Protein backbone atom coordinates (compact mmCIF):
# COMPACT_ATOMS: atom_id res chain seq x y z
CA UNK A 1 0.09 3.73 -0.66
CA UNK A 2 -0.05 2.44 2.88
CA UNK A 3 -3.85 1.67 3.28
CA UNK A 4 -3.46 -1.97 4.29
CA UNK A 5 -0.78 -3.18 1.78
CA UNK A 6 2.76 -3.91 2.51
CA UNK A 7 2.32 -4.49 6.23
CA UNK A 8 1.88 -8.22 6.16
CA UNK A 9 -0.63 -9.34 8.71
CA UNK A 10 -0.40 -6.07 10.76
CA UNK A 11 -2.63 -3.34 9.56
CA UNK A 12 -1.13 0.18 9.81
CA UNK A 13 -2.19 2.26 12.71
CA UNK A 14 -4.35 5.36 12.25
CA UNK A 15 -1.30 7.46 13.29
CA UNK A 16 0.68 6.05 10.35
CA UNK A 17 -2.17 6.54 7.94
CA UNK A 18 -2.61 10.14 9.09
CA UNK A 19 1.17 10.85 8.72
CA UNK A 20 1.28 9.30 5.18
CA UNK A 21 -1.87 11.07 4.11
CA UNK A 22 -0.45 14.34 5.32
CA UNK A 23 2.68 13.80 3.31
CA UNK A 24 0.60 13.00 0.22
CA UNK A 25 -1.45 16.14 0.73
CA UNK A 26 1.61 18.36 1.15
CA UNK A 27 3.00 17.00 -2.04
CA UNK A 28 -0.18 17.66 -3.95
CA UNK A 29 -1.11 13.89 -4.32
CA UNK A 30 -4.76 14.51 -3.16
CA UNK A 31 -6.21 11.20 -4.29
CA UNK A 32 -3.55 9.31 -2.33
CA UNK A 33 -4.03 11.52 0.67
CA UNK A 34 -7.76 11.02 0.58
CA UNK A 35 -7.42 7.16 0.45
CA UNK A 36 -5.04 7.21 3.42
CA UNK A 37 -7.32 9.52 5.51
CA UNK A 38 -10.34 7.49 4.63
CA UNK A 39 -8.77 4.24 5.57
CA UNK A 40 -7.52 5.83 8.86
CA UNK A 41 -11.01 6.96 9.68
CA UNK A 42 -12.33 3.51 8.88
CA UNK A 43 -9.64 1.97 11.09
CA UNK A 44 -10.58 4.26 14.00
CA UNK A 45 -14.41 3.72 13.87
CA UNK A 46 -14.60 1.15 16.74
CA UNK A 47 -12.12 3.02 18.95
CA UNK A 48 -13.57 6.54 18.44
CA UNK A 49 -15.74 6.18 21.54
CA UNK A 50 -12.81 5.68 23.82
CA UNK A 51 -10.90 8.80 22.44
CA UNK A 52 -12.21 10.76 19.48
CA UNK A 53 -9.28 13.01 19.02
CA UNK A 54 -7.24 11.18 16.50
CA UNK A 55 -10.47 10.49 14.42
CA UNK A 56 -11.28 14.21 14.56
CA UNK A 57 -7.77 15.05 13.56
CA UNK A 58 -7.80 12.77 10.49
CA UNK A 59 -11.31 14.03 9.53
CA UNK A 60 -10.11 17.62 9.65
CA UNK A 61 -7.25 16.68 7.35
CA UNK A 62 -9.59 14.72 5.03
CA UNK A 63 -11.93 17.71 4.88
CA UNK A 64 -9.12 20.01 3.83
CA UNK A 65 -7.99 17.61 1.13
CA UNK A 66 -11.68 17.31 -0.11
CA UNK A 67 -12.03 21.08 -0.25
CA UNK A 68 -8.79 21.22 -2.33
CA UNK A 69 -10.31 18.64 -4.61
CA UNK A 70 -13.59 20.65 -4.84
CA UNK A 71 -15.51 17.64 -3.27
CA UNK A 72 -17.68 20.07 -1.33
CA UNK A 73 -20.55 17.70 -0.47
CA UNK A 74 -18.20 15.18 0.93
CA UNK A 75 -16.31 17.88 2.84
CA UNK A 76 -19.55 19.16 4.34
CA UNK A 77 -20.45 15.71 5.55
CA UNK A 78 -17.11 15.16 7.22
CA UNK A 79 -17.26 18.69 8.81
CA UNK A 80 -20.76 17.98 10.17
CA UNK A 81 -19.56 14.75 11.74
CA UNK A 82 -16.64 16.65 13.31
CA UNK A 83 -18.98 19.26 14.66
CA UNK A 84 -21.13 16.69 16.24
CA UNK A 85 -18.18 15.08 18.04
CA UNK A 86 -16.75 18.36 19.19
CA UNK A 87 -20.14 19.69 20.38
CA UNK A 88 -20.52 16.52 22.48
CA UNK A 89 -17.02 16.76 23.91
CA UNK A 90 -16.27 20.54 24.17
CA UNK A 91 -13.65 20.29 26.99
CA UNK A 92 -10.22 20.97 25.50
CA UNK A 93 -11.58 21.22 21.91
CA UNK A 94 -10.99 25.02 21.41
CA UNK A 95 -8.09 24.53 18.94
CA UNK A 96 -10.06 21.88 17.02
CA UNK A 97 -13.21 24.07 16.99
CA UNK A 98 -11.09 26.84 15.60
CA UNK A 99 -9.72 24.78 12.79
CA UNK A 100 -13.18 23.43 12.19
CA UNK A 101 -14.59 26.96 11.86
CA UNK A 102 -11.98 27.88 9.38
CA UNK A 103 -12.70 24.89 7.18
CA UNK A 104 -16.41 25.58 7.41
CA UNK A 105 -15.74 29.20 6.28
CA UNK A 106 -13.59 27.83 3.31
CA UNK A 107 -16.59 25.57 2.44
CA UNK A 108 -19.01 28.45 2.37
CA UNK A 109 -16.57 30.61 0.30
CA UNK A 110 -15.95 27.73 -2.08
CA UNK A 111 -19.66 27.24 -2.53
CA UNK A 112 -20.22 30.93 -3.48
CA UNK A 113 -17.80 30.71 -6.40
CA UNK A 114 -19.16 29.78 -9.78
CA UNK A 115 -18.08 26.62 -11.60
CA UNK A 116 -14.88 26.98 -13.62
CA UNK A 117 -15.24 26.73 -17.36
CA UNK A 118 -11.80 24.97 -17.36
CA UNK A 119 -11.02 22.82 -14.37
CA UNK A 120 -7.78 23.12 -12.41
CA UNK A 121 -5.23 20.25 -12.91
CA UNK A 122 -4.33 18.34 -9.86
CA UNK A 123 -0.92 20.21 -9.69
CA UNK A 124 -2.77 23.56 -9.94
CA UNK A 125 -5.08 22.51 -7.09
CA UNK A 126 -2.02 21.73 -4.98
CA UNK A 127 -0.48 25.09 -5.77
CA UNK A 128 -3.75 26.78 -4.97
CA UNK A 129 -4.01 25.07 -1.65
CA UNK A 130 -0.58 26.27 -0.68
CA UNK A 131 -1.32 29.76 -1.94
CA UNK A 132 -4.25 29.83 0.36
CA UNK A 133 -1.81 29.17 3.23
CA UNK A 134 0.06 32.37 2.46
CA UNK A 135 3.28 30.63 1.51
CA UNK A 136 5.79 32.30 -0.86
CA UNK A 137 6.54 30.96 -4.34
CA UNK A 138 9.84 29.57 -3.13
CA UNK A 139 8.19 27.88 -0.20
CA UNK A 140 5.47 26.33 -2.47
CA UNK A 141 8.18 25.26 -4.84
CA UNK A 142 10.10 23.42 -2.10
CA UNK A 143 6.90 21.87 -0.61
CA UNK A 144 5.86 20.43 -4.05
CA UNK A 145 9.33 19.66 -5.34
CA UNK A 146 8.84 22.08 -8.29
CA UNK A 147 10.92 24.93 -9.69
CA UNK A 148 9.90 28.49 -8.78
CA UNK A 149 9.12 29.12 -12.54
CA UNK A 150 6.80 26.16 -12.66
CA UNK A 151 4.98 27.44 -9.52
CA UNK A 152 4.62 30.82 -11.26
CA UNK A 153 3.31 29.19 -14.38
CA UNK A 154 0.72 27.23 -12.40
CA UNK A 155 -0.25 30.51 -10.47
CA UNK A 156 -0.83 32.32 -13.79
CA UNK A 157 -2.95 29.45 -15.02
CA UNK A 158 -4.96 29.32 -11.73
CA UNK A 159 -5.63 33.15 -11.92
CA UNK A 160 -6.69 32.86 -15.54
CA UNK A 161 -9.08 29.96 -14.81
CA UNK A 162 -10.50 31.78 -11.80
CA UNK A 163 -10.89 35.00 -13.74
CA UNK A 164 -8.65 36.93 -11.36
């Protein structure tokens, strides 16, 4: 974990934290990703007035991780904050607004689903997040460093738990 340790007296930049958080998220290590993104946001707080774009980027990535973790209330809070920033600075924000809209739609869809009787494991959540990105089984396997058979097993468990 980067968030402040191992860098001696120089704290990591928000760019580094965003990159490390993204790698963790892609590998299904959602707690670690969340910690890196939250620390990146914390580090950006005093500079967000000068340029909010990196903060918005990190917040969008954090919201995506929170949705994968089924932390809907936290995701909604982060997305509302992003919407406030993008509404105040609309010039050049079209792509970010599109990503925000997609995450807000996922939040609404996630809210409409009933609670699972059996929770998804962290690995199943990682597979589910990548299934939602329309990746093939082999692409998901490569992304998460798993065999294709393991991905298929996780997929069957996800479908069973979701009642699909």
